[in-house]
Amino acid sequence: MILLDAASWLLILAGCFFILVGAFGILRLPDVFTRAHAASVIETLGAGFLFAGLMIQAGFTQVTLKLLFVLLLFFFTGPAITHALVQAAIQIGLKPELAEDRRARLDEGAKTAASKDQGRPS
């Protein structure tokens, strides 16, 4: 019994840790895209660990089954909601705030690879 209590509290504390880290990320991150990532950390890792700890604490009861259904609801609806939110942000013209524009490096890499391919005999 003590081992089950310790395991459940460890999972609950891990869930609380990820919820706090995600909430801190929502407050500190610069744009909607990175904030959406922080929110997804809360709903997957935070809620997952928290609900797993609560299910262990509840034992094999009807409460555990209800918690499992709510957790499955989170896991199936959360990514779809986050995806819809990010797509809506893209549709209205929001762009990610980057410290540097990395597209130029990608373009240079593609040009370099293409010029190397042209120089090789077939």
Protein backbone atom coordinates (compact mmCIF):
# COMPACT_ATOMS: atom_id res chain seq x y z
CA MET A 1 0.00 0.00 0.00
CA ILE A 2 2.84 2.38 0.82
CA LEU A 3 4.43 1.67 -2.56
CA LEU A 4 1.18 2.54 -4.38
CA ASP A 5 0.84 5.76 -2.40
CA ALA A 6 4.44 6.71 -3.16
CA ALA A 7 4.00 5.95 -6.87
CA SER A 8 0.75 7.91 -7.08
CA TRP A 9 2.23 10.92 -5.29
CA LEU A 10 5.30 10.81 -7.49
CA LEU A 11 3.07 10.90 -10.58
CA ILE A 12 0.91 13.67 -9.10
CA LEU A 13 3.98 15.77 -8.28
CA ALA A 14 5.40 15.17 -11.77
CA GLY A 15 2.08 16.32 -13.24
CA CYS A 16 2.12 19.43 -11.07
CA PHE A 17 5.70 20.16 -12.16
CA PHE A 18 4.79 20.00 -15.85
CA ILE A 19 1.68 22.12 -15.29
CA LEU A 20 3.77 24.79 -13.56
CA VAL A 21 6.45 24.71 -16.27
CA GLY A 22 3.79 24.99 -18.97
CA ALA A 23 2.05 27.86 -17.18
CA PHE A 24 5.39 29.66 -16.84
CA GLY A 25 5.97 29.06 -20.55
CA ILE A 26 2.59 30.54 -21.45
CA LEU A 27 3.48 33.68 -19.52
CA ARG A 28 7.05 34.04 -20.79
CA LEU A 29 7.03 32.89 -24.42
CA PRO A 30 6.76 35.58 -27.09
CA ASP A 31 4.10 34.51 -29.59
CA VAL A 32 0.99 32.39 -30.03
CA PHE A 33 2.88 29.49 -31.64
CA THR A 34 5.31 28.94 -28.77
CA ARG A 35 2.52 29.54 -26.25
CA ALA A 36 0.48 26.84 -27.97
CA HIS A 37 3.42 24.48 -27.47
CA ALA A 38 3.53 25.33 -23.77
CA ALA A 39 -0.21 24.72 -23.50
CA SER A 40 0.20 21.33 -25.17
CA VAL A 41 2.83 20.43 -22.56
CA ILE A 42 0.26 21.18 -19.87
CA GLU A 43 -2.48 19.12 -21.46
CA THR A 44 -0.39 16.08 -22.37
CA LEU A 45 2.35 15.66 -19.79
CA GLY A 46 0.80 17.58 -16.91
CA ALA A 47 -2.68 16.14 -17.18
CA GLY A 48 -1.35 12.70 -18.10
CA PHE A 49 0.85 12.35 -15.03
CA LEU A 50 -1.73 13.97 -12.77
CA PHE A 51 -4.54 11.69 -13.93
CA ALA A 52 -2.30 8.61 -13.76
CA GLY A 53 -1.48 9.44 -10.14
CA LEU A 54 -5.13 10.00 -9.33
CA MET A 55 -6.08 6.69 -10.96
CA ILE A 56 -3.51 4.83 -8.85
CA GLN A 57 -4.77 6.64 -5.74
CA ALA A 58 -8.41 5.75 -6.53
CA GLY A 59 -7.69 2.06 -7.00
CA PHE A 60 -9.72 -0.15 -9.32
CA THR A 61 -13.07 1.63 -9.02
CA GLN A 62 -15.61 3.43 -11.13
CA VAL A 63 -13.75 6.67 -10.38
CA THR A 64 -10.69 5.27 -12.16
CA LEU A 65 -12.77 4.51 -15.23
CA LYS A 66 -14.18 8.05 -15.24
CA LEU A 67 -10.69 9.52 -14.88
CA LEU A 68 -9.51 7.36 -17.77
CA PHE A 69 -12.36 8.63 -19.97
CA VAL A 70 -11.54 12.26 -19.14
CA LEU A 71 -7.85 11.62 -19.85
CA LEU A 72 -8.69 10.05 -23.22
CA LEU A 73 -10.89 13.05 -23.98
CA PHE A 74 -7.92 15.34 -23.26
CA PHE A 75 -5.57 13.28 -25.42
CA PHE A 76 -7.90 13.21 -28.42
CA THR A 77 -9.28 16.74 -28.31
CA GLY A 78 -6.21 18.64 -27.09
CA PRO A 79 -4.02 18.25 -30.19
CA ALA A 80 -6.95 19.00 -32.50
CA ILE A 81 -7.77 22.18 -30.58
CA THR A 82 -4.13 23.28 -30.58
CA HIS A 83 -3.85 22.60 -34.30
CA ALA A 84 -7.03 24.59 -35.01
CA LEU A 85 -5.77 27.49 -32.91
CA VAL A 86 -2.43 27.62 -34.72
CA GLN A 87 -4.09 27.31 -38.13
CA ALA A 88 -6.41 30.21 -37.24
CA ALA A 89 -3.38 32.29 -36.22
CA ILE A 90 -1.71 31.52 -39.56
CA GLN A 91 -4.90 32.38 -41.46
CA ILE A 92 -5.12 35.84 -39.93
CA GLY A 93 -1.49 36.48 -40.86
CA LEU A 94 0.44 36.01 -37.62
CA LYS A 95 4.06 35.03 -38.12
CA PRO A 96 6.35 33.34 -35.60
CA GLU A 97 8.80 35.61 -33.80
CA LEU A 98 12.25 34.16 -34.42
CA ALA A 99 15.56 35.37 -33.05
CA GLU A 100 16.98 34.95 -36.53
CA ASP A 101 15.58 34.21 -39.97
CA ARG A 102 16.67 30.67 -40.79
CA ARG A 103 15.12 30.54 -44.24
CA ALA A 104 18.23 32.05 -45.84
CA ARG A 105 20.39 29.22 -44.51
CA LEU A 106 17.96 26.66 -45.87
CA ASP A 107 17.99 28.32 -49.28
CA GLU A 108 21.81 28.40 -49.29
CA GLY A 109 21.95 24.73 -48.32
CA ALA A 110 19.60 23.80 -51.16
CA LYS A 111 21.64 25.82 -53.67
CA THR A 112 24.88 24.22 -52.48
CA ALA A 113 23.42 20.73 -52.77
CA ALA A 114 22.06 21.48 -56.25
CA SER A 115 25.43 22.82 -57.45
CA LYS A 116 27.22 19.73 -56.11
CA ASP A 117 24.75 17.49 -57.96
CA GLN A 118 25.33 19.40 -61.22
CA GLY A 119 29.11 18.98 -60.98
CA ARG A 120 28.98 15.18 -60.67
CA PRO A 121 29.18 12.98 -63.73
CA SER A 122 26.20 10.68 -64.09
